PDB file of N, CA and C in Angstrom:
ATOM      1  N   UNK A   1     -58.416 -58.007 -17.832  1.00  0.00           N
ATOM      2  CA  UNK A   1     -57.326 -57.108 -18.127  1.00  0.00           C
ATOM      3  C   UNK A   1     -57.535 -56.528 -19.523  1.00  0.00           C
ATOM      4  N   UNK A   2     -57.236 -55.261 -19.657  1.00  0.00           N
ATOM      5  CA  UNK A   2     -57.373 -54.556 -20.918  1.00  0.00           C
ATOM      6  C   UNK A   2     -56.313 -55.030 -21.916  1.00  0.00           C
ATOM      7  N   UNK A   3     -56.703 -55.224 -23.156  1.00  0.00           N
ATOM      8  CA  UNK A   3     -55.788 -55.669 -24.194  1.00  0.00           C
ATOM      9  C   UNK A   3     -54.995 -54.476 -24.734  1.00  0.00           C
ATOM     10  N   UNK A   4     -53.683 -54.646 -24.872  1.00  0.00           N
ATOM     11  CA  UNK A   4     -52.813 -53.584 -25.371  1.00  0.00           C
ATOM     12  C   UNK A   4     -51.921 -54.113 -26.472  1.00  0.00           C
ATOM     13  N   UNK A   5     -51.606 -53.260 -27.428  1.00  0.00           N
ATOM     14  CA  UNK A   5     -50.604 -53.612 -28.429  1.00  0.00           C
ATOM     15  C   UNK A   5     -49.223 -53.306 -27.854  1.00  0.00           C
ATOM     16  N   UNK A   6     -48.196 -53.824 -28.525  1.00  0.00           N
ATOM     17  CA  UNK A   6     -46.832 -53.545 -28.095  1.00  0.00           C
ATOM     18  C   UNK A   6     -46.514 -52.058 -28.155  1.00  0.00           C
ATOM     19  N   UNK A   7     -47.012 -51.371 -29.185  1.00  0.00           N
ATOM     20  CA  UNK A   7     -46.762 -49.928 -29.318  1.00  0.00           C
ATOM     21  C   UNK A   7     -47.397 -49.149 -28.179  1.00  0.00           C
ATOM     22  N   UNK A   8     -48.613 -49.509 -27.807  1.00  0.00           N
ATOM     23  CA  UNK A   8     -49.298 -48.820 -26.716  1.00  0.00           C
ATOM     24  C   UNK A   8     -48.566 -49.050 -25.402  1.00  0.00           C
ATOM     25  N   UNK A   9     -48.076 -50.265 -25.171  1.00  0.00           N
ATOM     26  CA  UNK A   9     -47.348 -50.544 -23.946  1.00  0.00           C
ATOM     27  C   UNK A   9     -46.026 -49.781 -23.919  1.00  0.00           C
ATOM     28  N   UNK A  10     -45.386 -49.619 -25.068  1.00  0.00           N
ATOM     29  CA  UNK A  10     -44.149 -48.837 -25.143  1.00  0.00           C
ATOM     30  C   UNK A  10     -44.401 -47.383 -24.736  1.00  0.00           C
ATOM     31  N   UNK A  11     -45.515 -46.814 -25.186  1.00  0.00           N
ATOM     32  CA  UNK A  11     -45.852 -45.442 -24.798  1.00  0.00           C
ATOM     33  C   UNK A  11     -46.059 -45.332 -23.292  1.00  0.00           C
ATOM     34  N   UNK A  12     -46.706 -46.327 -22.692  1.00  0.00           N
ATOM     35  CA  UNK A  12     -46.937 -46.321 -21.248  1.00  0.00           C
ATOM     36  C   UNK A  12     -45.603 -46.388 -20.509  1.00  0.00           C
ATOM     37  N   UNK A  13     -44.697 -47.245 -20.978  1.00  0.00           N
ATOM     38  CA  UNK A  13     -43.384 -47.328 -20.341  1.00  0.00           C
ATOM     39  C   UNK A  13     -42.647 -45.999 -20.425  1.00  0.00           C
ATOM     40  N   UNK A  14     -42.656 -45.367 -21.602  1.00  0.00           N
ATOM     41  CA  UNK A  14     -41.954 -44.096 -21.774  1.00  0.00           C
ATOM     42  C   UNK A  14     -42.548 -43.007 -20.894  1.00  0.00           C
ATOM     43  N   UNK A  15     -43.867 -43.023 -20.695  1.00  0.00           N
ATOM     44  CA  UNK A  15     -44.504 -42.030 -19.827  1.00  0.00           C
ATOM     45  C   UNK A  15     -44.187 -42.260 -18.355  1.00  0.00           C
ATOM     46  N   UNK A  16     -43.685 -43.450 -18.022  1.00  0.00           N
ATOM     47  CA  UNK A  16     -43.358 -43.772 -16.635  1.00  0.00           C
ATOM     48  C   UNK A  16     -41.854 -43.837 -16.396  1.00  0.00           C
ATOM     49  N   UNK A  17     -41.065 -43.198 -17.233  1.00  0.00           N
ATOM     50  CA  UNK A  17     -39.640 -43.043 -16.982  1.00  0.00           C
ATOM     51  C   UNK A  17     -38.721 -44.070 -17.609  1.00  0.00           C
ATOM     52  N   UNK A  18     -39.235 -45.002 -18.392  1.00  0.00           N
ATOM     53  CA  UNK A  18     -38.396 -45.988 -19.062  1.00  0.00           C
ATOM     54  C   UNK A  18     -37.871 -45.393 -20.368  1.00  0.00           C
ATOM     55  N   UNK A  19     -36.639 -45.715 -20.728  1.00  0.00           N
ATOM     56  CA  UNK A  19     -36.004 -45.191 -21.929  1.00  0.00           C
ATOM     57  C   UNK A  19     -35.778 -46.310 -22.945  1.00  0.00           C
ATOM     58  N   UNK A  20     -36.038 -46.005 -24.210  1.00  0.00           N
ATOM     59  CA  UNK A  20     -35.773 -46.953 -25.285  1.00  0.00           C
ATOM     60  C   UNK A  20     -34.261 -47.009 -25.491  1.00  0.00           C
ATOM     61  N   UNK A  21     -33.667 -48.179 -25.278  1.00  0.00           N
ATOM     62  CA  UNK A  21     -32.221 -48.343 -25.417  1.00  0.00           C
ATOM     63  C   UNK A  21     -31.835 -48.745 -26.830  1.00  0.00           C
ATOM     64  N   UNK A  22     -32.591 -49.702 -27.380  1.00  0.00           N
ATOM     65  CA  UNK A  22     -32.291 -50.161 -28.736  1.00  0.00           C
ATOM     66  C   UNK A  22     -33.487 -50.943 -29.262  1.00  0.00           C
ATOM     67  N   UNK A  23     -33.454 -51.194 -30.564  1.00  0.00           N
ATOM     68  CA  UNK A  23     -34.473 -52.025 -31.204  1.00  0.00           C
ATOM     69  C   UNK A  23     -33.741 -53.159 -31.888  1.00  0.00           C
ATOM     70  N   UNK A  24     -34.130 -54.372 -31.569  1.00  0.00           N
ATOM     71  CA  UNK A  24     -33.517 -55.551 -32.172  1.00  0.00           C
ATOM     72  C   UNK A  24     -34.614 -56.326 -32.881  1.00  0.00           C
ATOM     73  N   UNK A  25     -34.711 -56.144 -34.177  1.00  0.00           N
ATOM     74  CA  UNK A  25     -35.789 -56.767 -34.940  1.00  0.00           C
ATOM     75  C   UNK A  25     -37.111 -56.111 -34.578  1.00  0.00           C
ATOM     76  N   UNK A  26     -38.053 -56.899 -34.096  1.00  0.00           N
ATOM     77  CA  UNK A  26     -39.356 -56.343 -33.722  1.00  0.00           C
ATOM     78  C   UNK A  26     -39.480 -56.187 -32.207  1.00  0.00           C
ATOM     79  N   UNK A  27     -38.359 -56.294 -31.477  1.00  0.00           N
ATOM     80  CA  UNK A  27     -38.400 -56.171 -30.027  1.00  0.00           C
ATOM     81  C   UNK A  27     -37.734 -54.862 -29.602  1.00  0.00           C
ATOM     82  N   UNK A  28     -38.456 -54.101 -28.821  1.00  0.00           N
ATOM     83  CA  UNK A  28     -37.953 -52.834 -28.299  1.00  0.00           C
ATOM     84  C   UNK A  28     -37.423 -53.100 -26.894  1.00  0.00           C
ATOM     85  N   UNK A  29     -36.183 -52.707 -26.641  1.00  0.00           N
ATOM     86  CA  UNK A  29     -35.518 -52.971 -25.375  1.00  0.00           C
ATOM     87  C   UNK A  29     -35.518 -51.672 -24.571  1.00  0.00           C
ATOM     88  N   UNK A  30     -36.106 -51.736 -23.365  1.00  0.00           N
ATOM     89  CA  UNK A  30     -36.228 -50.571 -22.489  1.00  0.00           C
ATOM     90  C   UNK A  30     -35.414 -50.766 -21.232  1.00  0.00           C
ATOM     91  N   UNK A  31     -34.904 -49.663 -20.708  1.00  0.00           N
ATOM     92  CA  UNK A  31     -34.169 -49.676 -19.454  1.00  0.00           C
ATOM     93  C   UNK A  31     -34.489 -48.430 -18.653  1.00  0.00           C
ATOM     94  N   UNK A  32     -34.128 -48.478 -17.385  1.00  0.00           N
ATOM     95  CA  UNK A  32     -34.357 -47.353 -16.492  1.00  0.00           C
ATOM     96  C   UNK A  32     -33.065 -47.108 -15.730  1.00  0.00           C
ATOM     97  N   UNK A  33     -32.730 -45.855 -15.503  1.00  0.00           N
ATOM     98  CA  UNK A  33     -31.440 -45.532 -14.910  1.00  0.00           C
ATOM     99  C   UNK A  33     -31.256 -46.123 -13.517  1.00  0.00           C
ATOM    100  N   UNK A  34     -32.308 -46.163 -12.710  1.00  0.00           N
ATOM    101  CA  UNK A  34     -32.166 -46.651 -11.345  1.00  0.00           C
ATOM    102  C   UNK A  34     -32.305 -48.162 -11.227  1.00  0.00           C
ATOM    103  N   UNK A  35     -32.489 -48.865 -12.348  1.00  0.00           N
ATOM    104  CA  UNK A  35     -32.647 -50.327 -12.341  1.00  0.00           C
ATOM    105  C   UNK A  35     -31.681 -50.960 -13.338  1.00  0.00           C
ATOM    106  N   UNK A  36     -31.193 -52.147 -13.004  1.00  0.00           N
ATOM    107  CA  UNK A  36     -30.350 -52.908 -13.932  1.00  0.00           C
ATOM    108  C   UNK A  36     -31.184 -53.772 -14.861  1.00  0.00           C
ATOM    109  N   UNK A  37     -32.475 -53.728 -14.694  1.00  0.00           N
ATOM    110  CA  UNK A  37     -33.413 -54.555 -15.439  1.00  0.00           C
ATOM    111  C   UNK A  37     -33.625 -54.027 -16.859  1.00  0.00           C
ATOM    112  N   UNK A  38     -33.763 -54.938 -17.802  1.00  0.00           N
ATOM    113  CA  UNK A  38     -34.098 -54.590 -19.182  1.00  0.00           C
ATOM    114  C   UNK A  38     -35.409 -55.274 -19.530  1.00  0.00           C
ATOM    115  N   UNK A  39     -36.295 -54.550 -20.207  1.00  0.00           N
ATOM    116  CA  UNK A  39     -37.566 -55.102 -20.654  1.00  0.00           C
ATOM    117  C   UNK A  39     -37.552 -55.216 -22.169  1.00  0.00           C
ATOM    118  N   UNK A  40     -37.953 -56.352 -22.679  1.00  0.00           N
ATOM    119  CA  UNK A  40     -38.052 -56.577 -24.115  1.00  0.00           C
ATOM    120  C   UNK A  40     -39.531 -56.655 -24.478  1.00  0.00           C
ATOM    121  N   UNK A  41     -39.996 -55.658 -25.238  1.00  0.00           N
ATOM    122  CA  UNK A  41     -41.406 -55.575 -25.609  1.00  0.00           C
ATOM    123  C   UNK A  41     -41.539 -55.907 -27.090  1.00  0.00           C
ATOM    124  N   UNK A  42     -42.272 -56.978 -27.430  1.00  0.00           N
ATOM    125  CA  UNK A  42     -42.475 -57.299 -28.837  1.00  0.00           C
ATOM    126  C   UNK A  42     -43.484 -56.345 -29.476  1.00  0.00           C
ATOM    127  N   UNK A  43     -43.097 -55.767 -30.589  1.00  0.00           N
ATOM    128  CA  UNK A  43     -43.987 -54.857 -31.322  1.00  0.00           C
ATOM    129  C   UNK A  43     -44.216 -55.486 -32.694  1.00  0.00           C
ATOM    130  N   UNK A  44     -45.328 -56.185 -32.823  1.00  0.00           N
ATOM    131  CA  UNK A  44     -45.663 -56.866 -34.066  1.00  0.00           C
ATOM    132  C   UNK A  44     -46.905 -56.215 -34.669  1.00  0.00           C
ATOM    133  N   UNK A  45     -46.736 -55.062 -35.258  1.00  0.00           N
ATOM    134  CA  UNK A  45     -47.854 -54.358 -35.877  1.00  0.00           C
ATOM    135  C   UNK A  45     -48.898 -53.983 -34.844  1.00  0.00           C
ATOM    136  N   UNK A  46     -50.144 -54.247 -35.153  1.00  0.00           N
ATOM    137  CA  UNK A  46     -51.236 -53.925 -34.237  1.00  0.00           C
ATOM    138  C   UNK A  46     -51.732 -55.148 -33.467  1.00  0.00           C
ATOM    139  N   UNK A  47     -50.929 -56.191 -33.406  1.00  0.00           N
ATOM    140  CA  UNK A  47     -51.337 -57.389 -32.665  1.00  0.00           C
ATOM    141  C   UNK A  47     -51.213 -57.133 -31.166  1.00  0.00           C
ATOM    142  N   UNK A  48     -52.216 -57.514 -30.403  1.00  0.00           N
ATOM    143  CA  UNK A  48     -52.164 -57.276 -28.951  1.00  0.00           C
ATOM    144  C   UNK A  48     -51.185 -58.229 -28.267  1.00  0.00           C
ATOM    145  N   UNK A  49     -50.652 -57.769 -27.147  1.00  0.00           N
ATOM    146  CA  UNK A  49     -49.801 -58.616 -26.319  1.00  0.00           C
ATOM    147  C   UNK A  49     -50.678 -59.653 -25.630  1.00  0.00           C
ATOM    148  N   UNK A  50     -50.163 -60.840 -25.453  1.00  0.00           N
ATOM    149  CA  UNK A  50     -50.927 -61.866 -24.751  1.00  0.00           C
ATOM    150  C   UNK A  50     -51.002 -61.505 -23.271  1.00  0.00           C
ATOM    151  N   UNK A  51     -52.044 -61.950 -22.616  1.00  0.00           N
ATOM    152  CA  UNK A  51     -52.334 -61.554 -21.244  1.00  0.00           C
ATOM    153  C   UNK A  51     -51.201 -61.913 -20.287  1.00  0.00           C
ATOM    154  N   UNK A  52     -50.660 -63.111 -20.403  1.00  0.00           N
ATOM    155  CA  UNK A  52     -49.584 -63.538 -19.510  1.00  0.00           C
ATOM    156  C   UNK A  52     -48.338 -62.685 -19.676  1.00  0.00           C
ATOM    157  N   UNK A  53     -47.987 -62.380 -20.909  1.00  0.00           N
ATOM    158  CA  UNK A  53     -46.819 -61.537 -21.174  1.00  0.00           C
ATOM    159  C   UNK A  53     -47.039 -60.125 -20.646  1.00  0.00           C
ATOM    160  N   UNK A  54     -48.229 -59.587 -20.848  1.00  0.00           N
ATOM    161  CA  UNK A  54     -48.537 -58.245 -20.365  1.00  0.00           C
ATOM    162  C   UNK A  54     -48.435 -58.186 -18.843  1.00  0.00           C
ATOM    163  N   UNK A  55     -48.975 -59.186 -18.153  1.00  0.00           N
ATOM    164  CA  UNK A  55     -48.874 -59.230 -16.689  1.00  0.00           C
ATOM    165  C   UNK A  55     -47.425 -59.322 -16.236  1.00  0.00           C
ATOM    166  N   UNK A  56     -46.645 -60.128 -16.938  1.00  0.00           N
ATOM    167  CA  UNK A  56     -45.233 -60.288 -16.595  1.00  0.00           C
ATOM    168  C   UNK A  56     -44.475 -58.965 -16.768  1.00  0.00           C
ATOM    169  N   UNK A  57     -44.701 -58.289 -17.887  1.00  0.00           N
ATOM    170  CA  UNK A  57     -44.022 -57.011 -18.132  1.00  0.00           C
ATOM    171  C   UNK A  57     -44.456 -55.944 -17.124  1.00  0.00           C
ATOM    172  N   UNK A  58     -45.744 -55.941 -16.763  1.00  0.00           N
ATOM    173  CA  UNK A  58     -46.224 -54.990 -15.754  1.00  0.00           C
ATOM    174  C   UNK A  58     -45.546 -55.239 -14.410  1.00  0.00           C
ATOM    175  N   UNK A  59     -45.450 -56.512 -14.023  1.00  0.00           N
ATOM    176  CA  UNK A  59     -44.835 -56.847 -12.739  1.00  0.00           C
ATOM    177  C   UNK A  59     -43.362 -56.444 -12.727  1.00  0.00           C
ATOM    178  N   UNK A  60     -42.638 -56.733 -13.809  1.00  0.00           N
ATOM    179  CA  UNK A  60     -41.226 -56.384 -13.873  1.00  0.00           C
ATOM    180  C   UNK A  60     -40.994 -54.877 -13.867  1.00  0.00           C
ATOM    181  N   UNK A  61     -41.867 -54.141 -14.532  1.00  0.00           N
ATOM    182  CA  UNK A  61     -41.689 -52.695 -14.643  1.00  0.00           C
ATOM    183  C   UNK A  61     -42.140 -51.948 -13.401  1.00  0.00           C
ATOM    184  N   UNK A  62     -42.857 -52.634 -12.501  1.00  0.00           N
ATOM    185  CA  UNK A  62     -43.331 -51.975 -11.294  1.00  0.00           C
ATOM    186  C   UNK A  62     -44.633 -51.223 -11.494  1.00  0.00           C
ATOM    187  N   UNK A  63     -45.305 -51.453 -12.609  1.00  0.00           N
ATOM    188  CA  UNK A  63     -46.575 -50.805 -12.891  1.00  0.00           C
ATOM    189  C   UNK A  63     -47.717 -51.717 -12.480  1.00  0.00           C
ATOM    190  N   UNK A  64     -48.889 -51.137 -12.314  1.00  0.00           N
ATOM    191  CA  UNK A  64     -50.068 -51.933 -11.982  1.00  0.00           C
ATOM    192  C   UNK A  64     -51.069 -51.858 -13.132  1.00  0.00           C
ATOM    193  N   UNK A  65     -52.119 -52.650 -13.034  1.00  0.00           N
ATOM    194  CA  UNK A  65     -53.149 -52.623 -14.077  1.00  0.00           C
ATOM    195  C   UNK A  65     -53.838 -51.272 -14.110  1.00  0.00           C
ATOM    196  N   UNK A  66     -53.856 -50.555 -13.015  1.00  0.00           N
ATOM    197  CA  UNK A  66     -54.456 -49.220 -12.978  1.00  0.00           C
ATOM    198  C   UNK A  66     -53.655 -48.202 -13.767  1.00  0.00           C
ATOM    199  N   UNK A  67     -52.353 -48.429 -13.923  1.00  0.00           N
ATOM    200  CA  UNK A  67     -51.507 -47.517 -14.688  1.00  0.00           C
ATOM    201  C   UNK A  67     -51.728 -47.664 -16.189  1.00  0.00           C
ATOM    202  N   UNK A  68     -52.309 -48.786 -16.579  1.00  0.00           N
ATOM    203  CA  UNK A  68     -52.556 -49.059 -17.998  1.00  0.00           C
ATOM    204  C   UNK A  68     -53.833 -48.425 -18.323  1.00  0.00           C
TER     205      UNK A  68
END
């Protein structure tokens, strides 16, 4: 799986219809109008997201590894 930073993943979410609702510390909270689900993406500078967390966020958002 390709390594991504939190900022890069946020851009991918925004390009796929997710909206930034708020920022709480270093976590960006995203939501989508047709879903009650909220995604919390940690943005810690240029540090990459860990593989397990990235897979979890992809699964919750409905995206695949090909979309990244």
